Amino acid sequence: MKNIVLIALIFCSALAFAQQDRTLTHNKKTNLIDVVYYHDNGQISQTGSYTLDGKLQGDWFSYDHDGNKIAAAKYNKGEKTGKWFFWEGNVLKEVDYSKNKIANVVEWNKTNIAARD
């Protein structure tokens, strides 16, 4: 019965978003809903997964309009966890989360790193 409800939910969601602003897939191996969001130009905006009760789970990635990765994040049952990364020009920000709160932030600059090599 649960599977029928899940399939119906996915089908209804797919119909509601027929403009292709996102795609949903039930991953039977992980029992998660894998989702891909799209920018208006068709490029991928975000990828990630949800638990069946709608909580963010696992690795999430964000991309700009040109398809360049701009963020990498991790969730565990809807809570921010582990290392997150944000790319902006020559700067990489590494943010550590613990218990859904920021524990540490490190900023890396490609110019400074190259000068040390």
N, C-alpha and C. Protein backbone atom coordinates (compact mmCIF):
# COMPACT_ATOMS: atom_id res chain seq x y z
N MET A 1 0.82 -1.19 0.00
CA MET A 1 0.00 0.00 0.00
C MET A 1 0.87 1.27 0.00
N LYS A 2 1.95 1.22 0.81
CA LYS A 2 2.86 2.37 0.87
C LYS A 2 3.43 2.69 -0.51
N ASN A 3 3.82 1.64 -1.24
CA ASN A 3 4.41 1.84 -2.56
C ASN A 3 3.42 2.48 -3.53
N ILE A 4 2.16 2.08 -3.44
CA ILE A 4 1.14 2.64 -4.34
C ILE A 4 0.97 4.13 -4.05
N VAL A 5 0.91 4.49 -2.77
CA VAL A 5 0.77 5.89 -2.39
C VAL A 5 1.99 6.69 -2.87
N LEU A 6 3.18 6.12 -2.68
CA LEU A 6 4.41 6.79 -3.11
C LEU A 6 4.42 7.00 -4.62
N ILE A 7 4.07 5.98 -5.37
CA ILE A 7 4.05 6.09 -6.83
C ILE A 7 3.02 7.13 -7.26
N ALA A 8 1.86 7.14 -6.62
CA ALA A 8 0.84 8.13 -6.95
C ALA A 8 1.33 9.54 -6.65
N LEU A 9 2.03 9.70 -5.52
CA LEU A 9 2.57 11.01 -5.16
C LEU A 9 3.60 11.48 -6.18
N ILE A 10 4.49 10.59 -6.57
CA ILE A 10 5.51 10.93 -7.57
C ILE A 10 4.84 11.30 -8.90
N PHE A 11 3.84 10.51 -9.30
CA PHE A 11 3.15 10.76 -10.56
C PHE A 11 2.46 12.12 -10.54
N CYS A 12 1.75 12.42 -9.44
CA CYS A 12 1.06 13.71 -9.32
C CYS A 12 2.05 14.86 -9.33
N SER A 13 3.18 14.69 -8.63
CA SER A 13 4.21 15.72 -8.61
C SER A 13 4.77 15.96 -10.00
N ALA A 14 4.99 14.87 -10.71
CA ALA A 14 5.53 14.99 -12.07
C ALA A 14 4.56 15.74 -12.98
N LEU A 15 3.26 15.47 -12.83
CA LEU A 15 2.27 16.18 -13.64
C LEU A 15 2.21 17.65 -13.29
N ALA A 16 2.31 17.95 -11.99
CA ALA A 16 2.23 19.34 -11.55
C ALA A 16 3.41 20.16 -12.04
N PHE A 17 4.53 19.50 -12.27
CA PHE A 17 5.73 20.21 -12.72
C PHE A 17 6.14 19.75 -14.10
N ALA A 18 5.19 19.70 -15.00
CA ALA A 18 5.44 19.21 -16.34
C ALA A 18 6.37 20.11 -17.15
N GLN A 19 6.63 21.34 -16.65
CA GLN A 19 7.53 22.24 -17.36
C GLN A 19 8.98 21.80 -17.25
N GLN A 20 9.25 20.69 -16.58
CA GLN A 20 10.60 20.17 -16.44
C GLN A 20 11.47 21.03 -15.52
N ASP A 21 10.88 21.63 -14.47
CA ASP A 21 11.73 22.36 -13.55
C ASP A 21 12.32 21.43 -12.50
N ARG A 22 11.85 20.17 -12.47
CA ARG A 22 12.45 19.16 -11.61
C ARG A 22 12.02 17.77 -12.06
N THR A 23 12.83 16.79 -11.71
CA THR A 23 12.47 15.39 -11.93
C THR A 23 12.63 14.65 -10.61
N LEU A 24 11.74 13.71 -10.37
CA LEU A 24 11.76 12.90 -9.16
C LEU A 24 11.87 11.43 -9.53
N THR A 25 12.67 10.68 -8.77
CA THR A 25 12.81 9.25 -8.99
C THR A 25 12.89 8.55 -7.64
N HIS A 26 12.12 7.48 -7.48
CA HIS A 26 12.22 6.69 -6.24
C HIS A 26 13.39 5.72 -6.40
N ASN A 27 14.41 5.88 -5.57
CA ASN A 27 15.58 5.01 -5.59
C ASN A 27 15.29 3.82 -4.67
N LYS A 28 15.02 2.68 -5.27
CA LYS A 28 14.64 1.50 -4.49
C LYS A 28 15.78 0.97 -3.62
N LYS A 29 17.03 1.18 -4.06
CA LYS A 29 18.18 0.73 -3.27
C LYS A 29 18.28 1.48 -1.94
N THR A 30 18.12 2.80 -2.00
CA THR A 30 18.28 3.63 -0.80
C THR A 30 16.95 3.97 -0.14
N ASN A 31 15.84 3.70 -0.84
CA ASN A 31 14.49 4.05 -0.40
C ASN A 31 14.37 5.56 -0.17
N LEU A 32 15.02 6.32 -1.04
CA LEU A 32 14.96 7.78 -1.01
C LEU A 32 14.36 8.28 -2.32
N ILE A 33 13.89 9.52 -2.31
CA ILE A 33 13.43 10.18 -3.52
C ILE A 33 14.58 11.03 -4.04
N ASP A 34 15.14 10.66 -5.19
CA ASP A 34 16.20 11.44 -5.81
C ASP A 34 15.55 12.54 -6.65
N VAL A 35 16.07 13.74 -6.54
CA VAL A 35 15.47 14.88 -7.25
C VAL A 35 16.56 15.66 -7.99
N VAL A 36 16.19 16.17 -9.14
CA VAL A 36 17.05 17.06 -9.92
C VAL A 36 16.21 18.30 -10.24
N TYR A 37 16.69 19.47 -9.83
CA TYR A 37 16.05 20.74 -10.15
C TYR A 37 16.80 21.38 -11.31
N TYR A 38 16.08 22.14 -12.14
CA TYR A 38 16.66 22.74 -13.33
C TYR A 38 16.50 24.26 -13.31
N HIS A 39 17.51 24.95 -13.86
CA HIS A 39 17.39 26.38 -14.12
C HIS A 39 16.44 26.57 -15.30
N ASP A 40 15.97 27.79 -15.52
CA ASP A 40 15.07 28.06 -16.63
C ASP A 40 15.71 27.84 -18.00
N ASN A 41 17.06 27.79 -18.05
CA ASN A 41 17.74 27.53 -19.32
C ASN A 41 17.98 26.04 -19.57
N GLY A 42 17.48 25.18 -18.66
CA GLY A 42 17.61 23.73 -18.84
C GLY A 42 18.80 23.12 -18.13
N GLN A 43 19.74 23.94 -17.67
CA GLN A 43 20.90 23.44 -16.93
C GLN A 43 20.45 22.95 -15.55
N ILE A 44 21.16 21.97 -15.02
CA ILE A 44 20.86 21.47 -13.68
C ILE A 44 21.17 22.54 -12.64
N SER A 45 20.23 22.75 -11.73
CA SER A 45 20.38 23.72 -10.65
C SER A 45 20.83 23.04 -9.36
N GLN A 46 20.17 21.93 -9.00
CA GLN A 46 20.50 21.18 -7.78
C GLN A 46 20.20 19.71 -7.98
N THR A 47 20.96 18.87 -7.25
CA THR A 47 20.67 17.44 -7.20
C THR A 47 20.75 17.01 -5.74
N GLY A 48 19.94 16.05 -5.38
CA GLY A 48 19.96 15.54 -4.01
C GLY A 48 18.86 14.52 -3.79
N SER A 49 18.63 14.22 -2.51
CA SER A 49 17.63 13.20 -2.16
C SER A 49 16.83 13.64 -0.94
N TYR A 50 15.63 13.11 -0.87
CA TYR A 50 14.73 13.31 0.27
C TYR A 50 14.38 11.95 0.85
N THR A 51 14.13 11.92 2.16
CA THR A 51 13.56 10.73 2.77
C THR A 51 12.09 10.68 2.35
N LEU A 52 11.44 9.55 2.58
CA LEU A 52 10.04 9.42 2.20
C LEU A 52 9.13 10.38 2.98
N ASP A 53 9.61 10.85 4.14
CA ASP A 53 8.82 11.83 4.89
C ASP A 53 9.24 13.27 4.60
N GLY A 54 10.02 13.49 3.53
CA GLY A 54 10.31 14.82 3.04
C GLY A 54 11.52 15.52 3.61
N LYS A 55 12.39 14.81 4.33
CA LYS A 55 13.59 15.44 4.90
C LYS A 55 14.76 15.29 3.93
N LEU A 56 15.58 16.35 3.85
CA LEU A 56 16.78 16.29 3.01
C LEU A 56 17.71 15.22 3.54
N GLN A 57 18.35 14.46 2.62
CA GLN A 57 19.19 13.35 3.04
C GLN A 57 20.37 13.19 2.08
N GLY A 58 21.56 12.99 2.65
CA GLY A 58 22.73 12.68 1.84
C GLY A 58 23.36 13.90 1.18
N ASP A 59 24.04 13.66 0.08
CA ASP A 59 24.77 14.71 -0.63
C ASP A 59 23.85 15.54 -1.51
N TRP A 60 24.01 16.84 -1.46
CA TRP A 60 23.30 17.79 -2.32
C TRP A 60 24.34 18.64 -3.03
N PHE A 61 24.09 18.93 -4.29
CA PHE A 61 25.00 19.75 -5.08
C PHE A 61 24.21 20.86 -5.77
N SER A 62 24.78 22.06 -5.83
CA SER A 62 24.16 23.19 -6.51
C SER A 62 25.07 23.66 -7.64
N TYR A 63 24.46 24.13 -8.73
CA TYR A 63 25.19 24.55 -9.92
C TYR A 63 24.67 25.91 -10.39
N ASP A 64 25.54 26.70 -11.01
CA ASP A 64 25.11 27.97 -11.58
C ASP A 64 24.45 27.74 -12.94
N HIS A 65 24.01 28.82 -13.59
CA HIS A 65 23.32 28.72 -14.89
C HIS A 65 24.18 28.12 -15.99
N ASP A 66 25.51 28.15 -15.80
CA ASP A 66 26.42 27.59 -16.81
C ASP A 66 26.82 26.15 -16.51
N GLY A 67 26.31 25.59 -15.41
CA GLY A 67 26.62 24.20 -15.07
C GLY A 67 27.83 24.03 -14.17
N ASN A 68 28.40 25.12 -13.66
CA ASN A 68 29.54 25.04 -12.76
C ASN A 68 29.07 24.77 -11.34
N LYS A 69 29.75 23.85 -10.64
CA LYS A 69 29.38 23.53 -9.27
C LYS A 69 29.68 24.72 -8.37
N ILE A 70 28.69 25.13 -7.56
CA ILE A 70 28.89 26.26 -6.66
C ILE A 70 28.73 25.87 -5.19
N ALA A 71 28.18 24.68 -4.93
CA ALA A 71 28.03 24.25 -3.53
C ALA A 71 27.89 22.74 -3.45
N ALA A 72 28.44 22.19 -2.36
CA ALA A 72 28.29 20.77 -2.04
C ALA A 72 27.94 20.69 -0.57
N ALA A 73 26.87 19.95 -0.25
CA ALA A 73 26.37 19.90 1.12
C ALA A 73 26.00 18.47 1.50
N LYS A 74 25.87 18.25 2.81
CA LYS A 74 25.44 16.94 3.33
C LYS A 74 24.34 17.14 4.35
N TYR A 75 23.34 16.26 4.27
CA TYR A 75 22.25 16.27 5.24
C TYR A 75 22.08 14.87 5.82
N ASN A 76 21.62 14.83 7.07
CA ASN A 76 21.26 13.57 7.70
C ASN A 76 19.90 13.77 8.37
N LYS A 77 18.88 13.18 7.74
CA LYS A 77 17.49 13.30 8.23
C LYS A 77 17.10 14.76 8.41
N GLY A 78 17.44 15.59 7.43
CA GLY A 78 17.05 16.99 7.42
C GLY A 78 17.99 17.93 8.14
N GLU A 79 19.02 17.41 8.82
CA GLU A 79 19.96 18.26 9.54
C GLU A 79 21.27 18.41 8.76
N LYS A 80 21.82 19.62 8.79
CA LYS A 80 23.10 19.89 8.15
C LYS A 80 24.19 19.15 8.92
N THR A 81 25.09 18.50 8.18
CA THR A 81 26.14 17.73 8.83
C THR A 81 27.41 17.72 7.99
N GLY A 82 28.53 17.48 8.63
CA GLY A 82 29.79 17.31 7.91
C GLY A 82 30.30 18.57 7.25
N LYS A 83 31.15 18.39 6.25
CA LYS A 83 31.77 19.51 5.54
C LYS A 83 30.90 19.93 4.36
N TRP A 84 30.69 21.22 4.26
CA TRP A 84 30.02 21.83 3.13
C TRP A 84 31.05 22.68 2.41
N PHE A 85 30.91 22.80 1.09
CA PHE A 85 31.85 23.59 0.29
C PHE A 85 31.07 24.56 -0.59
N PHE A 86 31.59 25.81 -0.68
CA PHE A 86 31.00 26.84 -1.51
C PHE A 86 32.10 27.45 -2.37
N TRP A 87 31.89 27.45 -3.70
CA TRP A 87 32.86 28.00 -4.64
C TRP A 87 32.34 29.34 -5.16
N GLU A 88 33.21 30.36 -5.15
CA GLU A 88 32.87 31.66 -5.71
C GLU A 88 34.13 32.29 -6.25
N GLY A 89 34.28 32.29 -7.56
CA GLY A 89 35.49 32.83 -8.18
C GLY A 89 36.72 32.07 -7.73
N ASN A 90 37.70 32.76 -7.17
CA ASN A 90 38.94 32.14 -6.69
C ASN A 90 38.85 31.66 -5.24
N VAL A 91 37.69 31.78 -4.64
CA VAL A 91 37.54 31.47 -3.22
C VAL A 91 36.72 30.20 -3.03
N LEU A 92 37.23 29.34 -2.13
CA LEU A 92 36.51 28.14 -1.70
C LEU A 92 36.29 28.28 -0.20
N LYS A 93 35.03 28.21 0.22
CA LYS A 93 34.72 28.23 1.65
C LYS A 93 34.35 26.83 2.09
N GLU A 94 35.01 26.38 3.15
CA GLU A 94 34.75 25.07 3.74
C GLU A 94 34.05 25.32 5.09
N VAL A 95 32.83 24.84 5.21
CA VAL A 95 32.04 25.05 6.42
C VAL A 95 31.78 23.69 7.06
N ASP A 96 32.19 23.55 8.32
CA ASP A 96 31.95 22.31 9.06
C ASP A 96 30.70 22.47 9.92
N TYR A 97 29.79 21.50 9.80
CA TYR A 97 28.58 21.49 10.62
C TYR A 97 28.65 20.37 11.64
N SER A 98 28.17 20.67 12.84
CA SER A 98 28.04 19.68 13.90
C SER A 98 26.72 19.95 14.61
N LYS A 99 25.90 18.95 14.73
CA LYS A 99 24.58 19.08 15.37
C LYS A 99 23.76 20.20 14.74
N ASN A 100 23.81 20.27 13.41
CA ASN A 100 23.03 21.21 12.62
C ASN A 100 23.46 22.67 12.82
N LYS A 101 24.66 22.90 13.37
CA LYS A 101 25.17 24.25 13.58
C LYS A 101 26.58 24.36 13.02
N ILE A 102 26.95 25.59 12.62
CA ILE A 102 28.30 25.82 12.10
C ILE A 102 29.31 25.65 13.22
N ALA A 103 30.29 24.76 12.99
CA ALA A 103 31.34 24.52 13.97
C ALA A 103 32.64 25.23 13.59
N ASN A 104 32.86 25.39 12.27
CA ASN A 104 34.12 25.99 11.81
C ASN A 104 33.97 26.44 10.36
N VAL A 105 34.67 27.51 10.00
CA VAL A 105 34.68 27.99 8.61
C VAL A 105 36.13 28.26 8.22
N VAL A 106 36.52 27.74 7.07
CA VAL A 106 37.86 27.99 6.53
C VAL A 106 37.67 28.52 5.11
N GLU A 107 38.40 29.58 4.79
CA GLU A 107 38.32 30.16 3.45
C GLU A 107 39.64 29.94 2.74
N TRP A 108 39.56 29.35 1.56
CA TRP A 108 40.74 29.08 0.74
C TRP A 108 40.70 29.99 -0.47
N ASN A 109 41.85 30.52 -0.85
CA ASN A 109 41.97 31.37 -2.01
C ASN A 109 42.93 30.71 -2.99
N LYS A 110 42.50 30.47 -4.22
CA LYS A 110 43.33 29.78 -5.21
C LYS A 110 44.65 30.50 -5.45
N THR A 111 44.65 31.80 -5.42
CA THR A 111 45.87 32.56 -5.65
C THR A 111 46.89 32.29 -4.54
N ASN A 112 46.44 32.30 -3.30
CA ASN A 112 47.34 32.04 -2.17
C ASN A 112 47.85 30.59 -2.17
N ILE A 113 47.00 29.66 -2.52
CA ILE A 113 47.41 28.25 -2.55
C ILE A 113 48.45 28.04 -3.64
N ALA A 114 48.25 28.64 -4.82
CA ALA A 114 49.18 28.48 -5.93
C ALA A 114 50.54 29.08 -5.59
N ALA A 115 50.56 30.16 -4.83
CA ALA A 115 51.82 30.81 -4.48
C ALA A 115 52.64 29.94 -3.54
N ARG A 116 52.02 29.07 -2.75
CA ARG A 116 52.74 28.21 -1.83
C ARG A 116 53.35 26.99 -2.51
N ASP A 117 52.85 26.61 -3.67
CA ASP A 117 53.32 25.40 -4.37
C ASP A 117 54.69 25.57 -4.97
